[in-house]
Amino acid sequence: MVYSVTVKSYAKVNLSLNISGVQGGYHAIDSVVASIDLCDAVRVRARRDERINVYMRGCGSERIPPERNHAVRAGEAFVAAFGSRGADIEIDKDIPVGAGLGGSSADAAGVLNALAKLYGVGDRAALKALADGLGSDTGYMLGGGFARLSGRGTRVQPLASPRRYDMLLFLPASPVSTAECYRRYDAAPDPLRADSARLASALQAGDFGGVAANVYNALQRPACELNAEVAAALEAAASFSPAAYAVTGSGSAVFALFESEELCRWAHSRWKGKMRARVVHTLVPGERRRVLPNPFALGQASGQDKTEE
């Protein structure tokens, strides 16, 4: 019997982000997204009762109030939907909070994936429906990869790409409020739009130039207005003359896209600013399935501990 499961849940970047109105109280988007190799480790351990306990550490997790903790909501929703027992959940965060990298959704999706493995739930359609009720891109985060999201982010069109993309990610210390960023956008909408269809086609063709030419984020201006560090991150990214650069999500993180890993690491080696920066890559098919060492030391005396990525 498996008593615990560990999974890794990956961050995403928005290569494009258009806003096309409001549907049912949510902003409708058209966005091409990609998983990157920045992740949170989610460990679930079976309980005898239906209780969900979540323990988080690292990367600003102390700023997440319990009533807004997506991991807690995901665990409780899973127990209610599938009638399973509860779990003790540990999350080691490496995805910053409030950075536009999908950290909260990644944690919720990681909890759902881990609990499904722990308790033998194989109904992916039911799991996707549950995820969609938790957050706009949580359903996408269940599988990740390259995708085009539409509606409020719950319509997911998977995309296949034959190549990996290398980025230098700039991580301001302070977050951006997603709700406030959308309010700023609504007050002064951006008339420019990304061609997400062309970007999606370029991704699938492995056309680096076509991808770079269509990188755009409608929330970039309001994110800069709300947080001066975002503007500084964009300036830092531009200083290395990447093929493209933009805010991801509602910020505060900024990515700079380079044509090769060598160029990306060259830029990173020459970055002397105080802002944190790290090299990241999109995930190629199969790369996310490697089995990794368990990041938690539990001292468990019996049973099996299953670690997956």
Protein backbone atom coordinates (compact mmCIF):
# COMPACT_ATOMS: atom_id res chain seq x y z
CA MET A 1 0.00 0.00 0.00
CA VAL A 2 1.21 3.50 -0.84
CA TYR A 3 1.06 5.78 2.20
CA SER A 4 2.52 8.92 0.65
CA VAL A 5 3.14 10.46 -2.74
CA THR A 6 5.41 13.32 -3.79
CA VAL A 7 4.93 15.19 -7.06
CA LYS A 8 6.49 18.26 -8.59
CA SER A 9 4.17 20.97 -9.86
CA TYR A 10 5.61 23.40 -12.38
CA ALA A 11 5.40 27.15 -12.91
CA LYS A 12 4.19 28.61 -16.20
CA VAL A 13 4.99 31.67 -18.27
CA ASN A 14 2.51 33.49 -20.48
CA LEU A 15 4.14 33.87 -23.87
CA SER A 16 1.08 35.84 -24.92
CA LEU A 17 -1.86 37.26 -22.98
CA ASN A 18 -4.86 39.00 -24.51
CA ILE A 19 -7.96 40.11 -22.62
CA SER A 20 -11.18 39.97 -24.60
CA GLY A 21 -13.84 41.08 -22.11
CA VAL A 22 -15.64 39.72 -19.07
CA GLN A 23 -17.62 36.46 -18.94
CA GLY A 24 -19.65 35.57 -15.85
CA GLY A 25 -17.66 37.87 -13.63
CA TYR A 26 -14.29 36.65 -14.94
CA HIS A 27 -12.00 38.23 -17.50
CA ALA A 28 -11.91 36.26 -20.74
CA ILE A 29 -8.38 35.66 -21.96
CA ASP A 30 -6.53 34.25 -24.94
CA SER A 31 -3.09 33.13 -23.82
CA VAL A 32 -0.31 30.82 -24.98
CA VAL A 33 1.46 29.36 -21.95
CA ALA A 34 4.42 27.10 -21.30
CA SER A 35 5.57 25.11 -18.28
CA ILE A 36 9.09 25.89 -17.08
CA ASP A 37 11.47 23.94 -14.87
CA LEU A 38 10.74 25.98 -11.76
CA CYS A 39 8.54 23.98 -9.42
CA ASP A 40 7.04 23.36 -6.01
CA ALA A 41 7.35 19.92 -4.39
CA VAL A 42 4.01 18.64 -3.08
CA ARG A 43 3.97 15.72 -0.64
CA VAL A 44 0.74 14.11 0.56
CA ARG A 45 0.55 11.51 3.33
CA ALA A 46 -2.60 9.52 4.01
CA ARG A 47 -4.67 10.14 7.14
CA ARG A 48 -7.23 7.87 8.79
CA ASP A 49 -9.83 10.66 8.89
CA GLU A 50 -11.07 13.21 6.34
CA ARG A 51 -9.02 16.12 7.63
CA ILE A 52 -6.75 18.16 5.33
CA ASN A 53 -3.68 19.76 6.90
CA VAL A 54 -1.37 21.88 4.74
CA TYR A 55 2.15 22.96 5.72
CA MET A 56 4.00 25.32 3.37
CA ARG A 57 7.51 26.69 3.49
CA GLY A 58 9.63 28.96 1.35
CA CYS A 59 9.24 31.65 -1.30
CA GLY A 60 6.76 33.97 0.43
CA SER A 61 4.31 31.25 1.50
CA GLU A 62 3.84 33.06 4.82
CA ARG A 63 2.00 35.79 2.87
CA ILE A 64 -0.80 33.39 1.87
CA PRO A 65 -3.76 33.70 4.29
CA PRO A 66 -5.36 30.35 5.18
CA GLU A 67 -8.73 31.32 3.68
CA ARG A 68 -7.04 31.95 0.31
CA ASN A 69 -4.78 28.92 0.31
CA HIS A 70 -5.55 27.07 -2.92
CA ALA A 71 -3.84 23.92 -1.67
CA VAL A 72 -6.25 23.69 1.27
CA ARG A 73 -9.23 24.28 -1.00
CA ALA A 74 -7.98 21.65 -3.44
CA GLY A 75 -7.56 19.03 -0.73
CA GLU A 76 -10.97 19.68 0.79
CA ALA A 77 -12.63 19.68 -2.64
CA PHE A 78 -10.99 16.34 -3.50
CA VAL A 79 -12.21 14.68 -0.30
CA ALA A 80 -15.74 16.02 -0.85
CA ALA A 81 -15.85 14.99 -4.52
CA PHE A 82 -14.38 11.50 -4.26
CA GLY A 83 -15.23 10.51 -0.68
CA SER A 84 -11.61 9.76 0.13
CA ARG A 85 -9.77 10.03 3.40
CA GLY A 86 -7.83 13.20 4.15
CA ALA A 87 -4.13 13.89 4.05
CA ASP A 88 -1.26 15.77 5.62
CA ILE A 89 0.21 17.91 2.84
CA GLU A 90 3.67 19.46 2.78
CA ILE A 91 4.65 21.96 0.08
CA ASP A 92 8.20 23.15 -0.48
CA LYS A 93 7.80 26.29 -2.56
CA ASP A 94 10.29 27.48 -5.15
CA ILE A 95 7.68 29.38 -7.20
CA PRO A 96 7.41 32.92 -5.80
CA VAL A 97 4.04 34.18 -4.59
CA GLY A 98 2.46 37.01 -6.62
CA ALA A 99 4.89 36.67 -9.52
CA GLY A 100 2.51 35.72 -12.35
CA LEU A 101 4.05 32.25 -12.55
CA GLY A 102 0.94 30.35 -11.45
CA GLY A 103 2.27 29.25 -8.06
CA SER A 104 -1.11 28.99 -6.32
CA SER A 105 -2.63 27.08 -9.22
CA ALA A 106 0.42 24.83 -9.39
CA ASP A 107 0.03 23.98 -5.71
CA ALA A 108 -3.69 23.23 -6.11
CA ALA A 109 -3.02 21.06 -9.17
CA GLY A 110 -0.15 19.33 -7.40
CA VAL A 111 -2.41 18.48 -4.46
CA LEU A 112 -5.07 17.08 -6.80
CA ASN A 113 -2.55 15.03 -8.78
CA ALA A 114 -0.88 13.69 -5.64
CA LEU A 115 -4.16 12.78 -3.93
CA ALA A 116 -5.39 11.09 -7.11
CA LYS A 117 -2.26 8.91 -7.13
CA LEU A 118 -2.47 8.27 -3.40
CA TYR A 119 -6.11 7.18 -3.43
CA GLY A 120 -6.30 5.62 -6.91
CA VAL A 121 -8.56 8.14 -8.60
CA GLY A 122 -8.12 7.75 -12.36
CA ASP A 123 -11.00 9.86 -13.65
CA ARG A 124 -9.05 12.71 -15.27
CA ALA A 125 -12.19 14.40 -16.61
CA ALA A 126 -13.64 14.62 -13.10
CA LEU A 127 -10.30 15.87 -11.78
CA LYS A 128 -10.17 18.56 -14.51
CA ALA A 129 -13.72 19.70 -13.65
CA LEU A 130 -12.74 19.90 -9.99
CA ALA A 131 -9.62 21.89 -10.86
CA ASP A 132 -11.57 24.34 -13.03
CA GLY A 133 -13.73 25.18 -10.04
CA LEU A 134 -10.68 26.09 -7.97
CA GLY A 135 -9.00 28.61 -10.28
CA SER A 136 -8.80 29.79 -13.84
CA ASP A 137 -5.64 27.93 -14.87
CA THR A 138 -5.64 25.11 -12.32
CA GLY A 139 -7.03 22.66 -14.87
CA TYR A 140 -4.17 23.47 -17.23
CA MET A 141 -1.67 23.00 -14.40
CA LEU A 142 -2.80 19.38 -13.94
CA GLY A 143 -0.85 18.49 -17.07
CA GLY A 144 1.08 21.62 -17.98
CA GLY A 145 3.25 21.77 -21.08
CA PHE A 146 2.58 24.12 -23.97
CA ALA A 147 -1.06 25.14 -24.37
CA ARG A 148 -3.42 27.86 -25.54
CA LEU A 149 -5.90 28.93 -22.87
CA SER A 150 -9.17 30.71 -23.58
CA GLY A 151 -12.38 31.74 -21.83
CA ARG A 152 -11.47 32.34 -18.21
CA GLY A 153 -8.50 30.03 -18.68
CA THR A 154 -10.38 26.75 -18.33
CA ARG A 155 -10.50 25.92 -22.06
CA VAL A 156 -7.18 24.24 -22.74
CA GLN A 157 -5.80 23.47 -26.21
CA PRO A 158 -2.61 21.42 -25.76
CA LEU A 159 0.23 22.32 -28.11
CA ALA A 160 3.22 20.21 -29.10
CA SER A 161 6.58 21.84 -29.73
CA PRO A 162 9.67 20.09 -31.12
CA ARG A 163 12.11 22.34 -29.28
CA ARG A 164 12.92 23.77 -25.88
CA TYR A 165 12.98 27.50 -25.13
CA ASP A 166 15.57 29.10 -22.86
CA MET A 167 14.77 32.10 -20.68
CA LEU A 168 16.33 34.34 -18.08
CA LEU A 169 13.71 34.96 -15.41
CA PHE A 170 13.86 38.17 -13.36
CA LEU A 171 12.12 37.92 -9.99
CA PRO A 172 11.28 41.19 -8.20
CA ALA A 173 11.08 40.88 -4.42
CA SER A 174 7.58 42.36 -4.14
CA PRO A 175 4.40 40.87 -5.67
CA VAL A 176 1.67 42.36 -7.85
CA SER A 177 -2.02 42.02 -6.94
CA THR A 178 -3.73 40.22 -9.81
CA ALA A 179 -7.12 41.74 -8.96
CA GLU A 180 -5.71 45.27 -8.87
CA CYS A 181 -3.81 44.69 -12.11
CA TYR A 182 -7.01 43.72 -13.91
CA ARG A 183 -8.81 46.74 -12.44
CA ARG A 184 -6.08 49.00 -13.81
CA TYR A 185 -6.39 47.34 -17.19
CA ASP A 186 -10.18 47.77 -17.22
CA ALA A 187 -9.78 51.50 -16.55
CA ALA A 188 -7.55 51.89 -19.63
CA PRO A 189 -7.60 48.82 -21.93
CA ASP A 190 -4.64 48.26 -24.23
CA PRO A 191 -5.71 48.36 -27.92
CA LEU A 192 -2.74 46.19 -28.96
CA ARG A 193 -3.21 42.42 -29.16
CA ALA A 194 -0.94 39.43 -29.50
CA ASP A 195 -1.53 37.04 -32.37
CA SER A 196 -1.91 33.95 -30.21
CA ALA A 197 -2.94 31.81 -33.18
CA ARG A 198 0.28 32.67 -35.01
CA LEU A 199 2.29 32.12 -31.84
CA ALA A 200 0.70 28.71 -31.33
CA SER A 201 1.49 27.74 -34.93
CA ALA A 202 5.09 28.91 -34.54
CA LEU A 203 5.49 26.85 -31.37
CA GLN A 204 4.25 23.72 -33.07
CA ALA A 205 6.55 24.31 -36.05
CA GLY A 206 9.58 24.97 -33.86
CA ASP A 207 9.82 28.45 -35.41
CA PHE A 208 11.80 30.41 -32.83
CA GLY A 209 11.54 33.71 -34.73
CA GLY A 210 7.78 33.34 -35.05
CA VAL A 211 7.45 32.71 -31.33
CA ALA A 212 9.64 35.68 -30.39
CA ALA A 213 7.80 38.03 -32.76
CA ASN A 214 4.46 37.36 -31.08
CA VAL A 215 5.38 37.62 -27.39
CA TYR A 216 3.05 40.17 -25.75
CA ASN A 217 1.17 40.74 -22.48
CA ALA A 218 -1.81 43.09 -22.17
CA LEU A 219 -1.25 43.38 -18.40
CA GLN A 220 2.32 44.65 -18.69
CA ARG A 221 1.46 48.36 -18.44
CA PRO A 222 -0.76 48.09 -15.33
CA ALA A 223 1.76 45.75 -13.69
CA CYS A 224 4.46 48.40 -14.17
CA GLU A 225 2.16 51.08 -12.77
CA LEU A 226 1.53 49.02 -9.64
CA ASN A 227 5.10 47.94 -8.99
CA ALA A 228 8.19 49.92 -10.01
CA GLU A 229 10.26 46.74 -9.70
CA VAL A 230 8.43 45.31 -12.72
CA ALA A 231 9.57 48.22 -14.88
CA ALA A 232 13.10 47.73 -13.53
CA ALA A 233 12.95 44.03 -14.40
CA LEU A 234 11.85 44.85 -17.95
CA GLU A 235 14.72 47.31 -18.27
CA ALA A 236 17.14 44.67 -17.00
CA ALA A 237 15.81 42.13 -19.49
CA ALA A 238 16.08 44.59 -22.39
CA SER A 239 19.70 45.38 -21.54
CA PHE A 240 20.79 41.94 -22.82
CA SER A 241 19.02 42.33 -26.20
CA PRO A 242 17.04 39.08 -26.00
CA ALA A 243 14.85 37.89 -28.86
CA ALA A 244 11.80 38.90 -26.79
CA TYR A 245 10.91 39.83 -23.22
CA ALA A 246 7.70 40.45 -21.29
CA VAL A 247 5.90 40.26 -17.98
CA THR A 248 4.31 36.89 -17.27
CA GLY A 249 0.72 36.83 -16.00
CA SER A 250 -0.02 39.94 -13.97
CA GLY A 251 3.61 40.13 -12.82
CA SER A 252 5.83 40.67 -11.06
CA ALA A 253 8.18 38.24 -12.85
CA VAL A 254 9.68 39.10 -16.24
CA PHE A 255 11.18 36.63 -18.72
CA ALA A 256 13.77 37.27 -21.42
CA LEU A 257 13.73 34.77 -24.29
CA PHE A 258 17.07 33.76 -25.85
CA GLU A 259 17.77 31.66 -28.93
CA SER A 260 20.11 29.32 -27.08
CA GLU A 261 20.98 28.19 -23.58
CA GLU A 262 24.51 29.55 -24.10
CA LEU A 263 23.21 33.08 -24.74
CA CYS A 264 20.87 32.77 -21.77
CA ARG A 265 23.66 31.72 -19.42
CA TRP A 266 25.93 34.43 -20.83
CA ALA A 267 23.32 37.06 -19.89
CA HIS A 268 22.88 35.51 -16.44
CA SER A 269 26.62 35.54 -15.80
CA ARG A 270 26.74 39.26 -16.57
CA TRP A 271 23.75 40.27 -14.48
CA LYS A 272 25.12 42.28 -11.55
CA GLY A 273 21.90 43.79 -10.22
CA LYS A 274 20.36 43.07 -6.83
CA MET A 275 17.19 41.56 -8.30
CA ARG A 276 17.13 37.77 -8.30
CA ALA A 277 17.52 36.19 -11.74
CA ARG A 278 17.67 32.55 -12.80
CA VAL A 279 17.92 30.55 -16.00
CA VAL A 280 14.83 28.46 -16.77
CA HIS A 281 13.74 26.28 -19.66
CA THR A 282 10.44 25.15 -21.05
CA LEU A 283 9.80 21.46 -20.53
CA VAL A 284 10.16 19.14 -23.50
CA PRO A 285 7.96 16.04 -23.92
CA GLY A 286 8.95 13.31 -21.48
CA GLU A 287 11.18 15.56 -19.37
CA ARG A 288 8.47 15.95 -16.72
CA ARG A 289 8.17 12.23 -16.10
CA ARG A 290 11.53 11.58 -14.50
CA VAL A 291 11.45 10.09 -11.00
CA LEU A 292 13.25 12.34 -8.53
CA PRO A 293 14.50 11.89 -4.95
CA ASN A 294 12.01 12.65 -2.21
CA PRO A 295 12.68 16.24 -1.02
CA PHE A 296 11.13 15.59 2.42
CA ALA A 297 12.67 13.67 5.29
CA LEU A 298 9.70 12.03 6.98
CA GLY A 299 11.28 9.26 9.00
CA GLN A 300 8.39 7.02 8.00
CA ALA A 301 8.76 3.58 9.53
CA SER A 302 6.50 1.55 7.27
CA GLY A 303 4.62 1.58 4.01
CA GLN A 304 5.70 2.88 0.65
CA ASP A 305 6.66 6.38 -0.37
CA LYS A 306 6.13 7.09 -4.06
CA THR A 307 7.94 10.04 -5.63
CA GLU A 308 7.02 11.19 -9.12
CA GLU A 309 7.46 14.23 -11.31
